[in-house]
Amino acid sequence: MACWALRHGDKVVATPRNPAALQGFVSQYSNPLLMLRLDVDTPAEIAAAFRKANAALVHFVVVLNSASYVVAGEIEGTPRARQV
C-alpha cells in the first residue's frame, strides 16, 4: 500500500518496529516518506508517532494499520494475553 501511495505522489509515514529492516525502501522513496519507529504495544509510542506525523504532514487523510502476528497452535495452549 505504501509503495502504491508513494508512486502516486502521496506522502507516507511508515511506522515499523525496526526501521533498519526497511532501509532499501527508504532509499528508494526518501523524499515523500517519513520513517518512524513504532511498537504498537506501547501506547506512548503510538501517541508520539501521531504527533510527529501530524507535525510533518499537517493533516491525515488515511491511517492504515497492518500490524499483526501469528499464533500457531491450539487455543487452549495459547497464553490469554495473546488471545485478545
PDB file of N, CA and C in Angstrom:
ATOM      1  N   MET A   1       0.822  -1.190   0.000  1.00  0.00           N
ATOM      2  CA  MET A   1       0.000   0.000   0.000  1.00  0.00           C
ATOM      3  C   MET A   1       0.865   1.252   0.000  1.00  0.00           C
ATOM      4  N   ALA A   2       1.924   1.245   0.807  1.00  0.00           N
ATOM      5  CA  ALA A   2       2.813   2.404   0.871  1.00  0.00           C
ATOM      6  C   ALA A   2       3.468   2.657  -0.479  1.00  0.00           C
ATOM      7  N   CYS A   3       3.906   1.602  -1.150  1.00  0.00           N
ATOM      8  CA  CYS A   3       4.532   1.765  -2.477  1.00  0.00           C
ATOM      9  C   CYS A   3       3.556   2.406  -3.458  1.00  0.00           C
ATOM     10  N   TRP A   4       2.323   1.921  -3.461  1.00  0.00           N
ATOM     11  CA  TRP A   4       1.316   2.460  -4.373  1.00  0.00           C
ATOM     12  C   TRP A   4       1.102   3.944  -4.092  1.00  0.00           C
ATOM     13  N   ALA A   5       0.946   4.297  -2.821  1.00  0.00           N
ATOM     14  CA  ALA A   5       0.705   5.697  -2.462  1.00  0.00           C
ATOM     15  C   ALA A   5       1.879   6.584  -2.868  1.00  0.00           C
ATOM     16  N   LEU A   6       3.098   6.114  -2.621  1.00  0.00           N
ATOM     17  CA  LEU A   6       4.278   6.903  -2.983  1.00  0.00           C
ATOM     18  C   LEU A   6       4.410   7.067  -4.491  1.00  0.00           C
ATOM     19  N   ARG A   7       4.127   6.017  -5.230  1.00  0.00           N
ATOM     20  CA  ARG A   7       4.200   6.114  -6.701  1.00  0.00           C
ATOM     21  C   ARG A   7       3.164   7.076  -7.256  1.00  0.00           C
ATOM     22  N   HIS A   8       2.088   7.289  -6.531  1.00  0.00           N
ATOM     23  CA  HIS A   8       1.030   8.199  -6.979  1.00  0.00           C
ATOM     24  C   HIS A   8       1.145   9.591  -6.365  1.00  0.00           C
ATOM     25  N   GLY A   9       2.297   9.892  -5.772  1.00  0.00           N
ATOM     26  CA  GLY A   9       2.572  11.239  -5.293  1.00  0.00           C
ATOM     27  C   GLY A   9       2.087  11.559  -3.897  1.00  0.00           C
ATOM     28  N   ASP A  10       1.584  10.572  -3.189  1.00  0.00           N
ATOM     29  CA  ASP A  10       1.125  10.818  -1.823  1.00  0.00           C
ATOM     30  C   ASP A  10       2.290  10.774  -0.848  1.00  0.00           C
ATOM     31  N   LYS A  11       2.124  11.432   0.284  1.00  0.00           N
ATOM     32  CA  LYS A  11       3.109  11.384   1.354  1.00  0.00           C
ATOM     33  C   LYS A  11       2.753  10.215   2.266  1.00  0.00           C
ATOM     34  N   VAL A  12       3.778   9.536   2.780  1.00  0.00           N
ATOM     35  CA  VAL A  12       3.556   8.346   3.606  1.00  0.00           C
ATOM     36  C   VAL A  12       4.402   8.433   4.865  1.00  0.00           C
ATOM     37  N   VAL A  13       3.798   8.067   5.984  1.00  0.00           N
ATOM     38  CA  VAL A  13       4.527   7.878   7.235  1.00  0.00           C
ATOM     39  C   VAL A  13       4.503   6.379   7.505  1.00  0.00           C
ATOM     40  N   ALA A  14       5.653   5.758   7.495  1.00  0.00           N
ATOM     41  CA  ALA A  14       5.756   4.324   7.767  1.00  0.00           C
ATOM     42  C   ALA A  14       6.244   4.142   9.198  1.00  0.00           C
ATOM     43  N   THR A  15       5.664   3.188   9.911  1.00  0.00           N
ATOM     44  CA  THR A  15       5.970   3.026  11.335  1.00  0.00           C
ATOM     45  C   THR A  15       6.332   1.578  11.682  1.00  0.00           C
ATOM     46  N   PRO A  16       7.446   1.082  11.190  1.00  0.00           N
ATOM     47  CA  PRO A  16       7.844  -0.287  11.549  1.00  0.00           C
ATOM     48  C   PRO A  16       8.484  -0.348  12.934  1.00  0.00           C
ATOM     49  N   ARG A  17       8.501  -1.537  13.520  1.00  0.00           N
ATOM     50  CA  ARG A  17       9.221  -1.718  14.785  1.00  0.00           C
ATOM     51  C   ARG A  17      10.718  -1.592  14.570  1.00  0.00           C
ATOM     52  N   ASN A  18      11.183  -2.000  13.385  1.00  0.00           N
ATOM     53  CA  ASN A  18      12.611  -1.988  13.083  1.00  0.00           C
ATOM     54  C   ASN A  18      12.849  -1.245  11.767  1.00  0.00           C
ATOM     55  N   PRO A  19      13.018   0.063  11.792  1.00  0.00           N
ATOM     56  CA  PRO A  19      13.217   0.832  10.559  1.00  0.00           C
ATOM     57  C   PRO A  19      14.426   0.382   9.740  1.00  0.00           C
ATOM     58  N   ALA A  20      15.453  -0.140  10.385  1.00  0.00           N
ATOM     59  CA  ALA A  20      16.647  -0.588   9.652  1.00  0.00           C
ATOM     60  C   ALA A  20      16.311  -1.696   8.660  1.00  0.00           C
ATOM     61  N   ALA A  21      15.296  -2.493   8.966  1.00  0.00           N
ATOM     62  CA  ALA A  21      14.904  -3.582   8.071  1.00  0.00           C
ATOM     63  C   ALA A  21      14.334  -3.057   6.753  1.00  0.00           C
ATOM     64  N   LEU A  22      13.905  -1.807   6.734  1.00  0.00           N
ATOM     65  CA  LEU A  22      13.318  -1.212   5.530  1.00  0.00           C
ATOM     66  C   LEU A  22      14.220  -0.154   4.899  1.00  0.00           C
ATOM     67  N   GLN A  23      15.503  -0.212   5.163  1.00  0.00           N
ATOM     68  CA  GLN A  23      16.423   0.801   4.664  1.00  0.00           C
ATOM     69  C   GLN A  23      16.404   0.911   3.141  1.00  0.00           C
ATOM     70  N   GLY A  24      16.293  -0.207   2.438  1.00  0.00           N
ATOM     71  CA  GLY A  24      16.201  -0.176   0.974  1.00  0.00           C
ATOM     72  C   GLY A  24      14.955   0.548   0.502  1.00  0.00           C
ATOM     73  N   PHE A  25      13.884   0.345   1.198  1.00  0.00           N
ATOM     74  CA  PHE A  25      12.630   1.022   0.882  1.00  0.00           C
ATOM     75  C   PHE A  25      12.765   2.520   1.085  1.00  0.00           C
ATOM     76  N   VAL A  26      13.403   2.914   2.173  1.00  0.00           N
ATOM     77  CA  VAL A  26      13.611   4.328   2.476  1.00  0.00           C
ATOM     78  C   VAL A  26      14.440   4.990   1.387  1.00  0.00           C
ATOM     79  N   SER A  27      15.521   4.351   0.978  1.00  0.00           N
ATOM     80  CA  SER A  27      16.390   4.960  -0.037  1.00  0.00           C
ATOM     81  C   SER A  27      15.694   5.066  -1.388  1.00  0.00           C
ATOM     82  N   GLN A  28      14.750   4.200  -1.659  1.00  0.00           N
ATOM     83  CA  GLN A  28      14.023   4.231  -2.923  1.00  0.00           C
ATOM     84  C   GLN A  28      13.016   5.381  -2.964  1.00  0.00           C
ATOM     85  N   TYR A  29      12.429   5.721  -1.828  1.00  0.00           N
ATOM     86  CA  TYR A  29      11.390   6.746  -1.767  1.00  0.00           C
ATOM     87  C   TYR A  29      11.699   7.796  -0.705  1.00  0.00           C
ATOM     88  N   SER A  30      12.908   8.244  -0.578  1.00  0.00           N
ATOM     89  CA  SER A  30      13.321   9.057   0.565  1.00  0.00           C
ATOM     90  C   SER A  30      12.537  10.365   0.740  1.00  0.00           C
ATOM     91  N   ASN A  31      12.257  11.111  -0.303  1.00  0.00           N
ATOM     92  CA  ASN A  31      11.663  12.436  -0.127  1.00  0.00           C
ATOM     93  C   ASN A  31      10.249  12.416   0.451  1.00  0.00           C
ATOM     94  N   PRO A  32       9.280  11.714  -0.146  1.00  0.00           N
ATOM     95  CA  PRO A  32       7.918  11.799   0.405  1.00  0.00           C
ATOM     96  C   PRO A  32       7.642  10.796   1.520  1.00  0.00           C
ATOM     97  N   LEU A  33       8.689  10.127   2.036  1.00  0.00           N
ATOM     98  CA  LEU A  33       8.500   9.075   3.029  1.00  0.00           C
ATOM     99  C   LEU A  33       9.124   9.465   4.364  1.00  0.00           C
ATOM    100  N   LEU A  34       8.331   9.422   5.413  1.00  0.00           N
ATOM    101  CA  LEU A  34       8.828   9.652   6.766  1.00  0.00           C
ATOM    102  C   LEU A  34       8.791   8.314   7.493  1.00  0.00           C
ATOM    103  N   MET A  35       9.933   7.856   7.995  1.00  0.00           N
ATOM    104  CA  MET A  35      10.029   6.578   8.685  1.00  0.00           C
ATOM    105  C   MET A  35      10.159   6.842  10.184  1.00  0.00           C
ATOM    106  N   LEU A  36       9.212   6.321  10.968  1.00  0.00           N
ATOM    107  CA  LEU A  36       9.227   6.473  12.425  1.00  0.00           C
ATOM    108  C   LEU A  36       9.164   5.096  13.071  1.00  0.00           C
ATOM    109  N   ARG A  37      10.044   4.837  14.051  1.00  0.00           N
ATOM    110  CA  ARG A  37       9.994   3.576  14.771  1.00  0.00           C
ATOM    111  C   ARG A  37       8.748   3.570  15.650  1.00  0.00           C
ATOM    112  N   LEU A  38       8.030   2.439  15.658  1.00  0.00           N
ATOM    113  CA  LEU A  38       6.817   2.347  16.465  1.00  0.00           C
ATOM    114  C   LEU A  38       6.567   0.907  16.876  1.00  0.00           C
ATOM    115  N   ASP A  39       6.392   0.708  18.174  1.00  0.00           N
ATOM    116  CA  ASP A  39       5.944  -0.571  18.714  1.00  0.00           C
ATOM    117  C   ASP A  39       4.487  -0.359  19.104  1.00  0.00           C
ATOM    118  N   VAL A  40       3.557  -0.990  18.389  1.00  0.00           N
ATOM    119  CA  VAL A  40       2.130  -0.747  18.617  1.00  0.00           C
ATOM    120  C   VAL A  40       1.638  -1.303  19.952  1.00  0.00           C
ATOM    121  N   ASP A  41       2.481  -2.018  20.669  1.00  0.00           N
ATOM    122  CA  ASP A  41       2.119  -2.486  22.011  1.00  0.00           C
ATOM    123  C   ASP A  41       2.399  -1.430  23.069  1.00  0.00           C
ATOM    124  N   THR A  42       2.963  -0.282  22.672  1.00  0.00           N
ATOM    125  CA  THR A  42       3.336   0.770  23.613  1.00  0.00           C
ATOM    126  C   THR A  42       2.524   2.033  23.314  1.00  0.00           C
ATOM    127  N   PRO A  43       1.476   2.293  24.111  1.00  0.00           N
ATOM    128  CA  PRO A  43       0.612   3.455  23.843  1.00  0.00           C
ATOM    129  C   PRO A  43       1.354   4.782  23.728  1.00  0.00           C
ATOM    130  N   ALA A  44       2.387   4.993  24.517  1.00  0.00           N
ATOM    131  CA  ALA A  44       3.135   6.252  24.445  1.00  0.00           C
ATOM    132  C   ALA A  44       3.822   6.401  23.086  1.00  0.00           C
ATOM    133  N   GLU A  45       4.314   5.295  22.520  1.00  0.00           N
ATOM    134  CA  GLU A  45       4.943   5.364  21.190  1.00  0.00           C
ATOM    135  C   GLU A  45       3.907   5.663  20.110  1.00  0.00           C
ATOM    136  N   ILE A  46       2.709   5.145  20.267  1.00  0.00           N
ATOM    137  CA  ILE A  46       1.643   5.425  19.296  1.00  0.00           C
ATOM    138  C   ILE A  46       1.332   6.916  19.293  1.00  0.00           C
ATOM    139  N   ALA A  47       1.142   7.477  20.474  1.00  0.00           N
ATOM    140  CA  ALA A  47       0.838   8.908  20.587  1.00  0.00           C
ATOM    141  C   ALA A  47       1.972   9.755  20.022  1.00  0.00           C
ATOM    142  N   ALA A  48       3.217   9.388  20.328  1.00  0.00           N
ATOM    143  CA  ALA A  48       4.368  10.143  19.822  1.00  0.00           C
ATOM    144  C   ALA A  48       4.450  10.069  18.300  1.00  0.00           C
ATOM    145  N   ALA A  49       4.185   8.906  17.732  1.00  0.00           N
ATOM    146  CA  ALA A  49       4.229   8.759  16.273  1.00  0.00           C
ATOM    147  C   ALA A  49       3.169   9.619  15.605  1.00  0.00           C
ATOM    148  N   PHE A  50       1.958   9.664  16.178  1.00  0.00           N
ATOM    149  CA  PHE A  50       0.910  10.516  15.615  1.00  0.00           C
ATOM    150  C   PHE A  50       1.288  11.985  15.711  1.00  0.00           C
ATOM    151  N   ARG A  51       1.892  12.401  16.810  1.00  0.00           N
ATOM    152  CA  ARG A  51       2.324  13.806  16.941  1.00  0.00           C
ATOM    153  C   ARG A  51       3.367  14.155  15.881  1.00  0.00           C
ATOM    154  N   LYS A  52       4.359  13.272  15.693  1.00  0.00           N
ATOM    155  CA  LYS A  52       5.412  13.526  14.698  1.00  0.00           C
ATOM    156  C   LYS A  52       4.840  13.534  13.287  1.00  0.00           C
ATOM    157  N   ALA A  53       3.949  12.604  12.998  1.00  0.00           N
ATOM    158  CA  ALA A  53       3.329  12.553  11.667  1.00  0.00           C
ATOM    159  C   ALA A  53       2.490  13.793  11.422  1.00  0.00           C
ATOM    160  N   ASN A  54       1.746  14.218  12.416  1.00  0.00           N
ATOM    161  CA  ASN A  54       0.916  15.414  12.278  1.00  0.00           C
ATOM    162  C   ASN A  54       1.773  16.648  12.055  1.00  0.00           C
ATOM    163  N   ALA A  55       2.898  16.737  12.753  1.00  0.00           N
ATOM    164  CA  ALA A  55       3.805  17.878  12.568  1.00  0.00           C
ATOM    165  C   ALA A  55       4.403  17.888  11.165  1.00  0.00           C
ATOM    166  N   ALA A  56       4.683  16.715  10.633  1.00  0.00           N
ATOM    167  CA  ALA A  56       5.301  16.620   9.304  1.00  0.00           C
ATOM    168  C   ALA A  56       4.291  16.811   8.171  1.00  0.00           C
ATOM    169  N   LEU A  57       3.084  16.317   8.363  1.00  0.00           N
ATOM    170  CA  LEU A  57       2.103  16.314   7.273  1.00  0.00           C
ATOM    171  C   LEU A  57       0.992  17.339   7.432  1.00  0.00           C
ATOM    172  N   VAL A  58       0.830  17.917   8.589  1.00  0.00           N
ATOM    173  CA  VAL A  58      -0.207  18.892   8.931  1.00  0.00           C
ATOM    174  C   VAL A  58      -1.573  18.225   9.113  1.00  0.00           C
ATOM    175  N   HIS A  59      -1.995  17.339   8.225  1.00  0.00           N
ATOM    176  CA  HIS A  59      -3.253  16.626   8.415  1.00  0.00           C
ATOM    177  C   HIS A  59      -3.157  15.239   7.795  1.00  0.00           C
ATOM    178  N   PHE A  60      -4.042  14.342   8.212  1.00  0.00           N
ATOM    179  CA  PHE A  60      -4.070  12.973   7.693  1.00  0.00           C
ATOM    180  C   PHE A  60      -5.319  12.797   6.849  1.00  0.00           C
ATOM    181  N   VAL A  61      -5.224  11.964   5.850  1.00  0.00           N
ATOM    182  CA  VAL A  61      -6.402  11.583   5.084  1.00  0.00           C
ATOM    183  C   VAL A  61      -6.743  10.126   5.394  1.00  0.00           C
ATOM    184  N   VAL A  62      -5.720   9.279   5.480  1.00  0.00           N
ATOM    185  CA  VAL A  62      -5.924   7.847   5.717  1.00  0.00           C
ATOM    186  C   VAL A  62      -4.913   7.358   6.748  1.00  0.00           C
ATOM    187  N   VAL A  63      -5.382   6.519   7.666  1.00  0.00           N
ATOM    188  CA  VAL A  63      -4.499   5.811   8.589  1.00  0.00           C
ATOM    189  C   VAL A  63      -4.740   4.332   8.348  1.00  0.00           C
ATOM    190  N   LEU A  64      -3.696   3.600   7.999  1.00  0.00           N
ATOM    191  CA  LEU A  64      -3.795   2.170   7.708  1.00  0.00           C
ATOM    192  C   LEU A  64      -2.914   1.421   8.694  1.00  0.00           C
ATOM    193  N   ASN A  65      -3.489   0.495   9.413  1.00  0.00           N
ATOM    194  CA  ASN A  65      -2.747  -0.310  10.377  1.00  0.00           C
ATOM    195  C   ASN A  65      -2.704  -1.745   9.879  1.00  0.00           C
ATOM    196  N   SER A  66      -1.513  -2.231   9.631  1.00  0.00           N
ATOM    197  CA  SER A  66      -1.383  -3.626   9.204  1.00  0.00           C
ATOM    198  C   SER A  66      -0.537  -4.428  10.185  1.00  0.00           C
ATOM    199  N   ALA A  67      -0.413  -3.942  11.420  1.00  0.00           N
ATOM    200  CA  ALA A  67       0.354  -4.656  12.438  1.00  0.00           C
ATOM    201  C   ALA A  67      -0.380  -5.948  12.794  1.00  0.00           C
ATOM    202  N   SER A  68       0.368  -7.026  12.838  1.00  0.00           N
ATOM    203  CA  SER A  68      -0.240  -8.308  13.179  1.00  0.00           C
ATOM    204  C   SER A  68       0.825  -9.287  13.620  1.00  0.00           C
ATOM    205  N   TYR A  69       0.393 -10.423  14.085  1.00  0.00           N
ATOM    206  CA  TYR A  69       1.288 -11.508  14.442  1.00  0.00           C
ATOM    207  C   TYR A  69       0.545 -12.819  14.246  1.00  0.00           C
ATOM    208  N   VAL A  70       1.278 -13.901  14.232  1.00  0.00           N
ATOM    209  CA  VAL A  70       0.692 -15.216  14.025  1.00  0.00           C
ATOM    210  C   VAL A  70       0.924 -16.049  15.271  1.00  0.00           C
ATOM    211  N   VAL A  71      -0.114 -16.719  15.714  1.00  0.00           N
ATOM    212  CA  VAL A  71      -0.004 -17.678  16.802  1.00  0.00           C
ATOM    213  C   VAL A  71      -0.359 -19.036  16.220  1.00  0.00           C
ATOM    214  N   ALA A  72       0.595 -19.950  16.255  1.00  0.00           N
ATOM    215  CA  ALA A  72       0.356 -21.289  15.723  1.00  0.00           C
ATOM    216  C   ALA A  72       0.190 -22.256  16.890  1.00  0.00           C
ATOM    217  N   GLY A  73      -0.868 -22.991  16.869  1.00  0.00           N
ATOM    218  CA  GLY A  73      -1.109 -23.959  17.930  1.00  0.00           C
ATOM    219  C   GLY A  73      -2.555 -23.925  18.367  1.00  0.00           C
ATOM    220  N   GLU A  74      -2.873 -24.778  19.326  1.00  0.00           N
ATOM    221  CA  GLU A  74      -4.252 -24.855  19.818  1.00  0.00           C
ATOM    222  C   GLU A  74      -4.539 -23.680  20.749  1.00  0.00           C
ATOM    223  N   ILE A  75      -5.745 -23.210  20.752  1.00  0.00           N
ATOM    224  CA  ILE A  75      -6.119 -22.046  21.546  1.00  0.00           C
ATOM    225  C   ILE A  75      -5.941 -22.312  23.038  1.00  0.00           C
ATOM    226  N   GLU A  76      -6.166 -23.554  23.466  1.00  0.00           N
ATOM    227  CA  GLU A  76      -6.033 -23.873  24.887  1.00  0.00           C
ATOM    228  C   GLU A  76      -4.597 -23.721  25.380  1.00  0.00           C
ATOM    229  N   GLY A  77      -3.638 -23.877  24.495  1.00  0.00           N
ATOM    230  CA  GLY A  77      -2.233 -23.771  24.867  1.00  0.00           C
ATOM    231  C   GLY A  77      -1.648 -22.388  24.670  1.00  0.00           C
ATOM    232  N   THR A  78      -2.470 -21.447  24.233  1.00  0.00           N
ATOM    233  CA  THR A  78      -2.012 -20.090  23.971  1.00  0.00           C
ATOM    234  C   THR A  78      -2.253 -19.220  25.205  1.00  0.00           C
ATOM    235  N   PRO A  79      -1.243 -18.488  25.654  1.00  0.00           N
ATOM    236  CA  PRO A  79      -1.445 -17.614  26.818  1.00  0.00           C
ATOM    237  C   PRO A  79      -2.571 -16.621  26.571  1.00  0.00           C
ATOM    238  N   ARG A  80      -3.341 -16.323  27.580  1.00  0.00           N
ATOM    239  CA  ARG A  80      -4.503 -15.427  27.457  1.00  0.00           C
ATOM    240  C   ARG A  80      -4.123 -14.068  26.866  1.00  0.00           C
ATOM    241  N   ALA A  81      -2.961 -13.550  27.212  1.00  0.00           N
ATOM    242  CA  ALA A  81      -2.525 -12.248  26.708  1.00  0.00           C
ATOM    243  C   ALA A  81      -2.438 -12.230  25.189  1.00  0.00           C
ATOM    244  N   ARG A  82      -2.188 -13.354  24.547  1.00  0.00           N
ATOM    245  CA  ARG A  82      -2.080 -13.407  23.089  1.00  0.00           C
ATOM    246  C   ARG A  82      -3.402 -13.707  22.402  1.00  0.00           C
ATOM    247  N   GLN A  83      -4.446 -13.988  23.153  1.00  0.00           N
ATOM    248  CA  GLN A  83      -5.731 -14.324  22.563  1.00  0.00           C
ATOM    249  C   GLN A  83      -6.603 -13.103  22.310  1.00  0.00           C
ATOM    250  N   VAL A  84      -6.268 -11.974  22.905  1.00  0.00           N
ATOM    251  CA  VAL A  84      -7.104 -10.776  22.741  1.00  0.00           C
ATOM    252  C   VAL A  84      -6.422  -9.744  21.890  1.00  0.00           C
TER     253      VAL A  84
END
